[in-house]
Amino acid sequence: MFVKRNDEGHICAASLEATEDINEAIPADSPELWQFIGAAQDSPSRSELDALQASDLALARVLEDLIDILIDKHLIQFTDLPVMAQQKLLNRQGLRRQHLLDLLGDGDDDEQIPML
């Protein structure tokens, strides 16, 4: 996120992209930013947002598995999916394969296993 401040140093504008006037980078979870956009009072708590994000990740995995089943049963073809969807699925498949290999290990017992 990017913000613009007034003479008193308070946020007076915010944008997802930097512009000529709105160019100070600020973390999206900044309390000051949340207060500016008016979400501080009515927004979900951090734990609620974390639970929602965890749910989104779990649902993404369900959708990946569903797509795999549909492809395996020849109900759809991988190439029927939009190119961006194909790229994202291939990327995630590669990452999962990489982490599976990491879990199998290379014989170095001092190395920690990454948890997803």
Protein backbone atom coordinates (compact mmCIF):
# COMPACT_ATOMS: atom_id res chain seq x y z
CA MET A 1 0.00 0.00 0.00
CA PHE A 2 1.02 3.55 -0.57
CA VAL A 3 -0.11 6.64 1.28
CA LYS A 4 0.03 10.41 1.13
CA ARG A 5 0.26 12.44 4.33
CA ASN A 6 -1.05 15.92 5.13
CA ASP A 7 0.98 18.69 6.79
CA GLU A 8 0.28 17.21 10.23
CA GLY A 9 1.69 13.83 9.14
CA HIS A 10 -1.68 12.06 9.05
CA ILE A 11 -2.66 9.82 6.15
CA CYS A 12 -4.93 11.71 3.79
CA ALA A 13 -4.93 9.34 0.78
CA ALA A 14 -4.13 5.69 0.09
CA SER A 15 -3.57 3.61 -3.03
CA LEU A 16 -2.66 0.06 -3.98
CA GLU A 17 -0.15 1.47 -6.46
CA ALA A 18 2.35 4.28 -6.12
CA THR A 19 1.48 7.50 -7.90
CA GLU A 20 3.25 10.81 -8.13
CA ASP A 21 1.44 12.11 -5.03
CA ILE A 22 0.78 8.86 -3.18
CA ASN A 23 4.19 7.26 -2.92
CA GLU A 24 5.03 6.44 0.71
CA ALA A 25 5.08 2.66 1.15
CA ILE A 26 3.25 1.36 4.22
CA PRO A 27 2.41 -2.21 5.31
CA ALA A 28 -1.15 -3.23 4.44
CA ASP A 29 -1.72 -4.32 8.05
CA SER A 30 -0.59 -1.00 9.51
CA PRO A 31 -3.02 0.12 12.26
CA GLU A 32 -2.62 3.68 11.04
CA LEU A 33 -3.76 2.65 7.57
CA TRP A 34 -6.68 0.65 8.97
CA GLN A 35 -7.72 3.64 11.04
CA PHE A 36 -7.56 5.87 7.96
CA ILE A 37 -9.79 3.63 5.88
CA GLY A 38 -12.25 3.48 8.74
CA ALA A 39 -12.01 -0.24 9.25
CA ALA A 40 -10.41 -0.23 12.70
CA GLN A 41 -13.71 -0.20 14.59
CA ASP A 42 -15.73 -2.63 12.46
CA SER A 43 -13.02 -4.82 10.97
CA PRO A 44 -12.55 -8.47 11.86
CA SER A 45 -9.90 -9.28 14.46
CA ARG A 46 -6.46 -10.52 13.42
CA SER A 47 -7.38 -14.05 14.53
CA GLU A 48 -10.55 -13.93 12.40
CA LEU A 49 -8.53 -12.76 9.41
CA ASP A 50 -5.96 -15.52 10.01
CA ALA A 51 -8.76 -18.11 10.20
CA LEU A 52 -10.23 -16.80 6.96
CA GLN A 53 -6.85 -16.96 5.25
CA ALA A 54 -6.29 -20.53 6.48
CA SER A 55 -9.73 -21.44 5.17
CA ASP A 56 -8.89 -19.87 1.79
CA LEU A 57 -5.69 -21.93 1.58
CA ALA A 58 -7.54 -25.14 2.46
CA LEU A 59 -10.22 -24.39 -0.11
CA ALA A 60 -7.56 -23.71 -2.74
CA ARG A 61 -6.19 -27.21 -2.14
CA VAL A 62 -9.69 -28.69 -2.46
CA LEU A 63 -10.14 -26.91 -5.78
CA GLU A 64 -6.77 -28.18 -7.01
CA ASP A 65 -7.78 -31.73 -6.11
CA LEU A 66 -11.16 -31.27 -7.80
CA ILE A 67 -9.49 -30.06 -10.99
CA ASP A 68 -7.15 -33.07 -10.90
CA ILE A 69 -10.12 -35.43 -10.54
CA LEU A 70 -11.99 -33.80 -13.42
CA ILE A 71 -8.90 -34.07 -15.61
CA ASP A 72 -8.24 -37.69 -14.58
CA LYS A 73 -11.84 -38.60 -15.44
CA HIS A 74 -11.48 -36.82 -18.81
CA LEU A 75 -14.34 -34.46 -17.98
CA ILE A 76 -12.12 -31.48 -18.74
CA GLN A 77 -8.72 -31.08 -20.28
CA PHE A 78 -5.97 -29.07 -18.68
CA THR A 79 -5.86 -26.91 -21.80
CA ASP A 80 -9.55 -26.03 -21.28
CA LEU A 81 -8.46 -23.86 -18.36
CA PRO A 82 -7.39 -20.25 -18.94
CA VAL A 83 -3.64 -19.86 -19.44
CA MET A 84 -3.24 -17.99 -16.13
CA ALA A 85 -5.02 -20.81 -14.28
CA GLN A 86 -2.78 -23.36 -16.00
CA GLN A 87 0.33 -21.43 -14.95
CA LYS A 88 -0.84 -21.12 -11.34
CA LEU A 89 -1.70 -24.81 -11.10
CA LEU A 90 1.63 -25.85 -12.61
CA ASN A 91 3.48 -23.52 -10.25
CA ARG A 92 1.71 -24.93 -7.18
CA GLN A 93 2.22 -28.49 -8.39
CA GLY A 94 5.95 -27.79 -8.75
CA LEU A 95 6.12 -26.23 -5.30
CA ARG A 96 4.32 -29.18 -3.72
CA ARG A 97 6.66 -31.61 -5.51
CA GLN A 98 9.67 -29.61 -4.32
CA HIS A 99 8.45 -29.63 -0.71
CA LEU A 100 7.72 -33.36 -0.92
CA LEU A 101 11.32 -33.91 -1.95
CA ASP A 102 12.42 -31.67 0.92
CA LEU A 103 10.36 -33.79 3.32
CA LEU A 104 12.06 -36.94 2.06
CA GLY A 105 15.36 -35.28 2.90
CA ASP A 106 18.86 -35.52 1.54
CA GLY A 107 20.40 -37.28 4.53
CA ASP A 108 21.28 -34.11 6.46
CA ASP A 109 19.69 -34.60 9.90
CA ASP A 110 20.50 -31.04 11.01
CA GLU A 111 18.19 -29.53 8.41
CA GLN A 112 14.68 -28.52 9.45
CA ILE A 113 11.67 -29.70 7.48
CA PRO A 114 9.61 -26.78 6.13
CA MET A 115 5.99 -26.78 7.29
CA LEU A 116 3.28 -25.42 5.01
